[in-house]
Amino acid sequence: MDIRFLGAASTVTGSRHLVDLGGERILLDCGLFQGWKTLRERNWAPFPVEPASISAVVLSHAHLDHSGYLPALVKQGFKGKVFASPASCDLAEVLLLDSAHLQEEDARRANRLGSSRHAPALPLYTVADAKRALARMVPLAPGRSTRVGSVRVSLSPVGHLLGACAVSLEAGGTTLVFSGDLGRGNDLLMPPPQRVARANALIVESTYGDRLHPHEDAQQRLGTIVRATVRRGGSVLLPSFAVGRAQALLLVLQRLRGQGEIPADLPIYLDSPMATQATALYQRHAKLLRIRAREAAQLCEGVRLVGKAAESEKLTRARWPCVIISASGMATGGRVLHHLKAMAPNPRHHIVFPGFQVAGTRGAKLVEGAREVKIFGEYVAVKAEVSHLEGFSGHADADELMQWLRGFEAAPAQTFVVHGEAHAADTLRTRIQDELGWRVRVPEHLEHASL
């Protein structure tokens, strides 16, 4: 078995792990690099191996740092199947088409403003490329298996996001398990990760490998923030991932409103067409959630769905207190930037980031206390209050990661820690080594390991 770590090695983004097993070459995840410019530039480099040589891709879940490079891979010649859970296939359609649209828009804007050093600026991939990639997706139900040549592929639900799964590859009596992103034991929407019993080789994520989630009631804290902001005549902006986070926020806001913790007539806006689509998918796959079907059906009850761009622009001029949920979750792009530009200079408003912020993103800078941020080429003063609600994170923390690892019946021959910043990955490596006694290491970007 050979493994090449083509992404999410010594960083938390760009998940891509190439496995040669049983005579087949299988790519686990095919994600975009996000965050620092030096990482984002990797998206434009030629793929490290010939895409046509890859037999299949298996996605752990649909988040763009795990799926968002697929159209580029297909554009470069990949012709195999892409396996993912049925819910992940549905979400990937929403996410990849939106990603392609945004990249086309960014290229058009750069060409119009002359803000790119490339002439002309081009998108990494187009909507047509995304559609070609989506045509290669094949649903694989968790608990069932399929074969890629002599390799048996199966999926096990791990919470975190609708459809998210750990991936198992088995051939010739050898099994490799890839955790994908692990969810929490007490997630608002998703059940806890299912146990995986055996692996000869294990690739495990470490997003929160060096920290624990705070013991706070996220719902109670958000309620406190909303009430305080409304009292001073301000509005609350919630930059949110359109998939997963937006639905959790809708659930909590509905509960707060139902319990009288926030005004029943306080306008709540969902300003993200993709989040609206994703919410419908969460409702369609409600059996995968841990909440009651009635709560799932009522996520958007009384919520004002903002569709057209003109409506979003009008919302930036709203004078009355409200709550706005808008993508993207790390304020890297999308409609939230217009709201951020309008609201950041006003101390009455409150900007609340619910969940993990990748280093180098606009969201991370704001959470760290930046007093100005660059938006559409201009520096904007930040006078609004800024908060970080880690209680909304969909990632397992360090203790929860260790709990999942303890579910294995025996130590894997080798464990690789990926998908974490350097300190997080190495801290988890140390815990695995000291507490479990396993052979474990943190691979470097483009490292090649043979087992």
Foldseek 3Di string as FASTA:
>chain_A
DKKWAADLFQFQFQGWIWDCDPNAIEIEFGAAFDFDPVRNVSLVDPRPDQLCRHAEYEYLAQPRSGHQSQLLSVVRPHDHAYEFAPLRLLLNLLVNLVLQVVQQVVQVVCQVVVVDPDVRRDGSHHSVSSVVSSVRYDHDHAPDWDDRVQWIKHWFDAFLFVRGTWIWIDHPRAIEIEGRFHFACPAQKAHHGDADADHQEYEYEQAQLPDAADPDDLLVVVLVVQVQLQVLFAAEEEAAALGQLLLSVLLSVVVCLVVVSHPVPAAEEEEEPSSVSNLVSCLVVVVRIPDDNVSSVCSCPRHHYDDDPVSLLVVLPDRGYHYYYFDDLLCQDGSVLSNCLSRQVDQSYEYEREADHGHNTNNVCVQVPDQWDAGPNDIGGGNYHYYYHHVNYGGHHNVSSVVSVVNYPDAHQEYEYGSYNNVSRVSSQVCCCVVVVHHYDRDHNRDMDDD
